[in-house]
Amino acid sequence: MKIKIQKLSVIIMRNLVCSIAAMLCIASTFMACSNSTNEESRNVKEESSVRTQGQDTLSVDSVSNADKGNQVQGTDNLTSKIESVSLTSKEFKDSKKKAVIIAVSRYKGDWEPLSCFNDVKYLDSVLKKSGFTVTIVQNDDATHAGIKDSLKKVIKNCHEGDMVLVHFSGHGQQIEGGDQSREPDRKAESFVAFDAYPKCYKNIYDGSGHLSDDEIHNIRNEIRKRIRKTGFLMMTFDACHSAGSTDGNRGIDSDIDIIRGTNESIVIPNFKPEPLRIKDNAPDLSPFIELSACQEGEINFEYVINEKKNERCGSLSYLMYLSLKDGFTDFNGIKNYVMNNYKKSKCMMRQKPYAYSTS
């Protein structure tokens, strides 16, 4: 009897050992398959998300701008309902007070999404109430070619004595490389159009989507020549044009702050400034005011209008809205309001606006 029990015990132990060995084998196989799958997944992601272009890489299947912009509350669909007058319409041609709002909230390239649709919403309503005929050029219409074409139509359809406002909302970036002989700091400034990328990439982007300060200078003086001394031009920039300074990065919280620019210049090896066609001291040019959201060496932060709703707007755009709402409808009045109230309004706690005037 004892011998039978011992034999039975041996059989039970042998079966138990075999079962444990089988379980260990299955677990080992599962882990190996899992590791292999993870490795393959990583390889697929790496291959699909990165394309090498010289020393720079371009994210092809990177997080979409819409996903990156979860902190940007609002939608461009709101501004699609705003009536925008055609630049070639009789209404625009006949108007003595013309305004063009150029705004880019979403970009073709890998840029942080912005709240420029709110700039459009606030400025459009108050400009119309102030007697301006308003045209809006935004997002995929605001390519480099689209902006220049729109502003050429402004030049063509302006007349002597007109008041003209051209407002830019979007990213700004400095340009290095090529011919920088006109720039004391060897960096040109630019407004980032819809089709621009933060860097140049071989066979993808050559820098042609950046609207340089020389191009803007020529457009500015052509409008001034068209409206002559009895007219008045104001150009306003709710974008960062001098993002190369490290001092401007103090106090940035990447989880909260949205800035309209970058602290990295774009290098365009073959950059050539556009020849200046009309000098600033040419006869019969209209008075001119330039108003920018920040000084050289500063970052342009978006202003939080409603913290609970996380509603944002361009800091300069919102100050201009407040000035027009308070009845300052002439260009000098807008400029003075912005420069005198930027701290009080809390729109620009970490930056100071820049103003230049010929009058």
Protein backbone atom coordinates (compact mmCIF):
# COMPACT_ATOMS: atom_id res chain seq x y z
CA MET A 1 0.00 0.00 0.00
CA LYS A 2 2.79 2.40 0.91
CA ILE A 3 4.56 1.57 -2.35
CA LYS A 4 1.42 2.41 -4.36
CA ILE A 5 1.01 5.74 -2.57
CA GLN A 6 4.66 6.60 -3.20
CA LYS A 7 4.30 5.72 -6.89
CA LEU A 8 1.15 7.85 -7.10
CA SER A 9 2.93 10.76 -5.45
CA VAL A 10 5.81 10.49 -7.92
CA ILE A 11 3.37 10.51 -10.85
CA ILE A 12 1.54 13.56 -9.45
CA MET A 13 4.80 15.46 -8.87
CA ARG A 14 6.03 14.54 -12.36
CA ASN A 15 2.79 15.83 -13.96
CA LEU A 16 2.94 19.01 -11.87
CA VAL A 17 6.53 19.70 -12.98
CA CYS A 18 5.54 19.14 -16.62
CA SER A 19 2.59 21.54 -16.27
CA ILE A 20 4.77 24.26 -14.74
CA ALA A 21 7.38 23.80 -17.48
CA ALA A 22 4.68 24.10 -20.15
CA MET A 23 3.32 27.27 -18.57
CA LEU A 24 6.80 28.80 -18.43
CA CYS A 25 7.34 27.93 -22.08
CA ILE A 26 4.05 29.60 -23.11
CA ALA A 27 4.88 32.72 -21.06
CA SER A 28 8.33 32.93 -22.63
CA THR A 29 6.89 32.62 -26.13
CA PHE A 30 4.28 35.32 -25.41
CA MET A 31 6.92 37.75 -24.09
CA ALA A 32 9.10 37.19 -27.14
CA CYS A 33 6.17 37.86 -29.49
CA SER A 34 5.20 40.96 -27.52
CA ASN A 35 8.73 42.37 -27.66
CA SER A 36 8.92 41.65 -31.36
CA THR A 37 5.59 43.41 -31.97
CA ASN A 38 6.68 46.46 -29.95
CA GLU A 39 9.96 46.63 -31.82
CA GLU A 40 8.19 46.39 -35.16
CA SER A 41 5.74 49.09 -34.04
CA ARG A 42 8.61 51.38 -33.04
CA ASN A 43 10.33 50.80 -36.36
CA VAL A 44 7.16 51.57 -38.30
CA LYS A 45 6.63 54.80 -36.35
CA GLU A 46 10.22 55.88 -36.83
CA GLU A 47 10.10 55.15 -40.54
CA SER A 48 6.77 56.92 -41.05
CA SER A 49 7.38 59.95 -38.86
CA VAL A 50 10.85 61.02 -39.87
CA ARG A 51 12.23 61.81 -43.28
CA THR A 52 15.86 62.87 -43.36
CA GLN A 53 16.68 66.02 -45.36
CA GLY A 54 20.39 66.78 -44.95
CA GLN A 55 20.88 67.73 -41.31
CA ASP A 56 17.21 68.55 -40.69
CA THR A 57 14.33 66.13 -40.22
CA LEU A 58 10.73 66.76 -41.11
CA SER A 59 7.86 65.15 -39.22
CA VAL A 60 5.59 63.64 -41.84
CA ASP A 61 3.05 61.84 -39.66
CA SER A 62 3.57 64.00 -36.60
CA VAL A 63 0.78 65.13 -34.29
CA SER A 64 -1.62 67.24 -36.30
CA ASN A 65 -1.84 70.96 -35.67
CA ALA A 66 -5.44 70.49 -34.56
CA ASP A 67 -4.34 68.00 -31.90
CA LYS A 68 -1.45 70.21 -30.81
CA GLY A 69 -3.84 73.11 -30.47
CA ASN A 70 -6.14 71.66 -27.84
CA GLN A 71 -5.32 74.64 -25.65
CA VAL A 72 -6.53 77.02 -28.38
CA GLN A 73 -10.24 77.44 -27.76
CA GLY A 74 -12.47 78.38 -30.67
CA THR A 75 -12.74 77.51 -34.31
CA ASP A 76 -11.99 79.03 -37.68
CA ASN A 77 -15.55 78.10 -38.69
CA LEU A 78 -16.78 81.07 -36.67
CA THR A 79 -14.89 83.49 -38.88
CA SER A 80 -16.12 81.77 -42.05
CA LYS A 81 -19.55 83.28 -41.29
CA ILE A 82 -18.11 86.81 -41.22
CA GLU A 83 -18.88 88.78 -44.35
CA SER A 84 -15.69 89.71 -46.16
CA VAL A 85 -15.81 92.27 -48.95
CA SER A 86 -13.96 91.43 -52.16
CA LEU A 87 -10.91 93.58 -52.83
CA THR A 88 -12.14 94.13 -56.39
CA SER A 89 -15.72 95.01 -55.43
CA LYS A 90 -17.25 98.44 -55.98
CA GLU A 91 -17.89 98.64 -52.23
CA PHE A 92 -14.19 98.29 -51.45
CA LYS A 93 -13.08 100.60 -54.26
CA ASP A 94 -15.51 103.34 -53.25
CA SER A 95 -14.80 103.12 -49.51
CA LYS A 96 -12.66 105.85 -47.99
CA LYS A 97 -11.83 103.68 -44.98
CA LYS A 98 -10.39 100.31 -46.00
CA ALA A 99 -9.15 97.52 -43.70
CA VAL A 100 -7.47 94.23 -44.64
CA ILE A 101 -7.02 91.58 -41.93
CA ILE A 102 -4.43 88.89 -42.76
CA ALA A 103 -4.62 86.08 -40.21
CA VAL A 104 -3.15 82.58 -40.01
CA SER A 105 -4.42 80.34 -37.19
CA ARG A 106 -3.45 77.00 -38.74
CA TYR A 107 -0.39 76.34 -40.88
CA LYS A 108 0.62 73.90 -43.57
CA GLY A 109 3.99 73.54 -41.84
CA ASP A 110 4.77 72.37 -38.31
CA TRP A 111 3.80 75.53 -36.42
CA GLU A 112 1.96 75.95 -33.14
CA PRO A 113 -1.74 76.70 -33.83
CA LEU A 114 -2.81 80.22 -32.86
CA SER A 115 -6.00 82.05 -31.87
CA CYS A 116 -5.96 84.45 -34.83
CA PHE A 117 -9.59 83.57 -35.62
CA ASN A 118 -10.45 85.56 -32.48
CA ASP A 119 -8.36 88.49 -33.75
CA VAL A 120 -10.53 88.42 -36.87
CA LYS A 121 -13.76 88.14 -34.87
CA TYR A 122 -13.04 91.05 -32.55
CA LEU A 123 -11.44 93.41 -35.08
CA ASP A 124 -13.95 92.78 -37.87
CA SER A 125 -16.95 93.75 -35.77
CA VAL A 126 -15.49 96.90 -34.28
CA LEU A 127 -13.87 98.10 -37.54
CA LYS A 128 -17.20 97.81 -39.36
CA LYS A 129 -18.91 99.77 -36.59
CA SER A 130 -16.18 102.40 -37.03
CA GLY A 131 -17.00 102.81 -40.72
CA PHE A 132 -14.35 100.59 -42.31
CA THR A 133 -14.94 98.29 -45.24
CA VAL A 134 -13.25 95.05 -44.15
CA THR A 135 -11.62 92.28 -46.20
CA ILE A 136 -10.31 89.11 -44.55
CA VAL A 137 -7.49 86.93 -45.90
CA GLN A 138 -6.90 83.93 -43.65
CA ASN A 139 -5.38 80.47 -43.36
CA ASP A 140 -4.94 78.66 -46.69
CA ASP A 141 -5.82 81.88 -48.57
CA ALA A 142 -2.97 83.60 -46.73
CA THR A 143 -0.13 81.88 -48.56
CA HIS A 144 2.87 83.97 -49.57
CA ALA A 145 1.43 84.35 -53.07
CA GLY A 146 -2.09 84.90 -51.71
CA ILE A 147 -1.01 87.71 -49.38
CA LYS A 148 1.00 89.49 -52.07
CA ASP A 149 -1.81 89.15 -54.60
CA SER A 150 -4.32 90.55 -52.08
CA LEU A 151 -2.12 93.51 -51.23
CA LYS A 152 -1.51 94.25 -54.93
CA LYS A 153 -5.30 94.50 -55.28
CA VAL A 154 -5.35 96.88 -52.32
CA ILE A 155 -2.77 99.06 -54.08
CA LYS A 156 -4.75 99.00 -57.33
CA ASN A 157 -8.08 99.82 -55.69
CA CYS A 158 -6.93 102.54 -53.29
CA HIS A 159 -7.41 106.20 -54.10
CA GLU A 160 -6.01 109.53 -53.02
CA GLY A 161 -7.18 110.44 -49.53
CA ASP A 162 -8.08 106.89 -48.39
CA MET A 163 -7.47 105.61 -44.86
CA VAL A 164 -5.98 102.12 -45.13
CA LEU A 165 -5.34 99.62 -42.33
CA VAL A 166 -3.40 96.41 -43.01
CA HIS A 167 -3.31 94.07 -40.02
CA PHE A 168 -1.15 90.92 -39.77
CA SER A 169 -1.89 88.17 -37.23
CA GLY A 170 0.23 85.04 -37.10
CA HIS A 171 3.74 83.79 -36.48
CA GLY A 172 6.84 85.88 -37.11
CA GLN A 173 10.39 84.66 -37.64
CA GLN A 174 13.83 86.05 -38.40
CA ILE A 175 15.77 84.98 -41.47
CA GLU A 176 19.48 84.19 -41.53
CA GLY A 177 21.73 83.32 -44.46
CA GLY A 178 22.11 84.75 -47.95
CA ASP A 179 22.41 88.49 -48.45
CA GLN A 180 21.84 90.25 -45.12
CA SER A 181 23.81 93.40 -46.00
CA ARG A 182 20.84 95.68 -45.17
CA GLU A 183 20.36 94.25 -41.70
CA PRO A 184 22.56 95.57 -38.84
CA ASP A 185 22.08 92.29 -36.91
CA ARG A 186 22.43 90.18 -40.09
CA LYS A 187 18.85 88.93 -39.71
CA ALA A 188 15.87 89.91 -41.82
CA GLU A 189 12.41 89.84 -40.31
CA SER A 190 9.40 88.11 -41.79
CA PHE A 191 5.73 87.32 -41.43
CA VAL A 192 5.12 83.57 -41.64
CA ALA A 193 2.56 82.83 -44.36
CA PHE A 194 0.33 79.73 -44.38
CA ASP A 195 2.67 77.75 -46.65
CA ALA A 196 5.86 78.43 -44.67
CA TYR A 197 7.81 75.93 -42.57
CA PRO A 198 10.03 76.70 -39.54
CA LYS A 199 13.07 75.28 -41.38
CA CYS A 200 14.23 74.67 -44.92
CA TYR A 201 14.01 71.06 -46.09
CA LYS A 202 15.53 69.70 -49.25
CA ASN A 203 12.95 69.17 -52.01
CA ILE A 204 10.17 70.29 -49.63
CA TYR A 205 10.65 73.89 -48.49
CA ASP A 206 13.12 76.55 -49.66
CA GLY A 207 11.99 79.53 -47.58
CA SER A 208 9.67 81.04 -50.19
CA GLY A 209 6.68 81.07 -47.81
CA HIS A 210 8.24 83.73 -45.57
CA LEU A 211 7.07 87.28 -46.35
CA SER A 212 10.20 89.34 -45.71
CA ASP A 213 10.35 92.87 -44.31
CA ASP A 214 11.67 94.11 -47.69
CA GLU A 215 8.57 92.80 -49.44
CA ILE A 216 6.35 94.44 -46.81
CA HIS A 217 8.37 97.68 -47.16
CA ASN A 218 7.67 97.81 -50.90
CA ILE A 219 3.95 97.13 -50.46
CA ARG A 220 3.78 99.77 -47.75
CA ASN A 221 5.30 102.53 -49.86
CA GLU A 222 3.29 101.59 -52.95
CA ILE A 223 0.09 102.04 -50.93
CA ARG A 224 1.42 105.33 -49.53
CA LYS A 225 2.21 106.54 -53.04
CA ARG A 226 -1.27 105.59 -54.22
CA ILE A 227 -3.20 107.38 -51.44
CA ARG A 228 -0.78 110.33 -51.40
CA LYS A 229 -0.35 112.95 -48.69
CA THR A 230 -4.06 113.33 -48.02
CA GLY A 231 -4.39 109.63 -47.23
CA PHE A 232 -3.15 107.66 -44.22
CA LEU A 233 -1.72 104.14 -43.94
CA MET A 234 -1.41 102.05 -40.78
CA MET A 235 0.25 98.62 -40.71
CA THR A 236 -0.07 96.54 -37.55
CA PHE A 237 1.70 93.28 -36.70
CA ASP A 238 0.41 90.90 -34.05
CA ALA A 239 3.38 88.57 -34.54
CA CYS A 240 6.89 88.23 -33.19
CA HIS A 241 9.45 89.75 -35.56
CA SER A 242 12.53 89.57 -33.35
CA ALA A 243 12.51 86.08 -31.86
CA GLY A 244 16.29 85.58 -31.84
CA SER A 245 16.88 87.04 -28.38
CA THR A 246 17.19 84.64 -25.46
CA ASP A 247 16.13 87.40 -23.06
CA GLY A 248 12.68 87.27 -24.59
CA ASN A 249 12.18 83.68 -23.43
CA ARG A 250 12.11 84.44 -19.72
CA GLY A 251 8.92 83.38 -17.98
CA ILE A 252 7.50 81.18 -20.75
CA ASP A 253 5.35 78.28 -19.53
CA SER A 254 5.05 75.84 -22.43
CA ASP A 255 1.89 74.28 -20.94
CA ILE A 256 0.06 77.61 -20.61
CA ASP A 257 1.59 80.23 -22.89
CA ILE A 258 1.09 80.49 -26.62
CA ILE A 259 3.66 82.66 -28.36
CA ARG A 260 3.47 84.07 -31.86
CA GLY A 261 6.94 83.34 -33.06
CA THR A 262 9.97 81.20 -32.38
CA ASN A 263 13.38 81.77 -30.82
CA GLU A 264 15.00 80.00 -33.78
CA SER A 265 15.74 81.81 -37.03
CA ILE A 266 15.20 80.09 -40.34
CA VAL A 267 18.38 79.71 -42.39
CA ILE A 268 17.77 80.41 -46.09
CA PRO A 269 21.16 79.98 -47.82
CA ASN A 270 20.11 81.75 -51.04
CA PHE A 271 18.04 84.51 -49.44
CA LYS A 272 17.99 87.73 -51.45
CA PRO A 273 16.18 90.84 -50.22
CA GLU A 274 13.66 92.33 -52.61
CA PRO A 275 15.01 95.52 -54.21
CA LEU A 276 13.45 98.62 -52.62
CA ARG A 277 11.38 100.30 -55.32
CA ILE A 278 10.25 103.44 -53.49
CA LYS A 279 12.37 105.23 -50.90
CA ASP A 280 10.83 106.38 -47.64
CA ASN A 281 11.62 110.03 -48.45
CA ALA A 282 9.98 109.95 -51.89
CA PRO A 283 7.66 112.94 -52.51
CA ASP A 284 3.89 112.81 -51.98
CA LEU A 285 3.85 109.69 -49.80
CA SER A 286 1.05 109.46 -47.26
CA PRO A 287 1.65 109.58 -43.50
CA PHE A 288 2.36 106.14 -42.08
CA ILE A 289 2.15 104.37 -38.71
CA GLU A 290 3.63 100.98 -37.88
CA LEU A 291 2.48 99.26 -34.70
CA SER A 292 3.95 95.94 -33.52
CA ALA A 293 3.04 93.73 -30.58
CA CYS A 294 6.54 93.66 -29.11
CA GLN A 295 9.93 95.32 -29.08
CA GLU A 296 13.04 93.85 -30.63
CA GLY A 297 14.29 91.08 -28.37
CA GLU A 298 10.85 90.28 -26.95
CA ILE A 299 8.34 87.46 -27.41
CA ASN A 300 4.72 88.14 -28.34
CA PHE A 301 2.39 86.28 -25.97
CA GLU A 302 -1.26 85.64 -26.74
CA TYR A 303 -3.63 87.29 -24.27
CA VAL A 304 -6.07 85.15 -22.27
CA ILE A 305 -9.45 86.90 -22.48
CA ASN A 306 -11.39 84.34 -20.48
CA GLU A 307 -9.37 82.02 -18.25
CA LYS A 308 -12.24 79.63 -17.48
CA LYS A 309 -13.07 79.16 -21.17
CA ASN A 310 -9.39 79.42 -22.13
CA GLU A 311 -10.34 82.00 -24.77
CA ARG A 312 -7.32 83.74 -26.28
CA CYS A 313 -6.59 86.55 -28.68
CA GLY A 314 -3.58 88.38 -30.04
CA SER A 315 -2.38 90.92 -27.48
CA LEU A 316 -2.13 93.78 -29.99
CA SER A 317 -5.36 92.80 -31.74
CA TYR A 318 -7.28 92.90 -28.47
CA LEU A 319 -5.81 96.29 -27.50
CA MET A 320 -6.76 97.66 -30.92
CA TYR A 321 -10.26 96.26 -30.40
CA LEU A 322 -10.51 98.07 -27.04
CA SER A 323 -9.28 101.35 -28.55
CA LEU A 324 -11.81 101.24 -31.40
CA LYS A 325 -14.55 100.21 -28.98
CA ASP A 326 -13.72 103.27 -26.85
CA GLY A 327 -14.08 105.55 -29.87
CA PHE A 328 -10.45 105.99 -30.95
CA THR A 329 -11.09 105.47 -34.67
CA ASP A 330 -8.26 107.56 -36.15
CA PHE A 331 -4.86 105.92 -36.54
CA ASN A 332 -2.98 108.22 -34.18
CA GLY A 333 -5.69 107.62 -31.58
CA ILE A 334 -5.30 103.83 -31.92
CA LYS A 335 -1.51 104.09 -31.63
CA ASN A 336 -1.65 106.35 -28.57
CA TYR A 337 -4.26 104.16 -26.87
CA VAL A 338 -2.13 101.03 -27.33
CA MET A 339 1.07 102.67 -26.13
CA ASN A 340 -0.61 104.29 -23.10
CA ASN A 341 -2.77 101.38 -21.97
CA TYR A 342 -0.88 98.17 -22.67
CA LYS A 343 0.11 97.71 -19.01
CA LYS A 344 -3.16 98.91 -17.53
CA SER A 345 -5.18 96.57 -19.74
CA LYS A 346 -2.97 93.61 -18.73
CA CYS A 347 -2.79 92.56 -22.39
CA MET A 348 0.98 92.89 -22.43
CA MET A 349 2.43 92.08 -19.02
CA ARG A 350 5.69 90.61 -20.39
CA GLN A 351 6.22 92.69 -23.50
CA LYS A 352 6.06 96.26 -24.75
CA PRO A 353 4.51 97.29 -28.05
CA TYR A 354 6.57 99.13 -30.67
CA ALA A 355 5.33 102.16 -32.61
CA TYR A 356 6.80 104.15 -35.48
CA SER A 357 5.17 107.13 -37.14
CA THR A 358 6.13 109.49 -39.95
CA SER A 359 3.76 112.20 -38.70
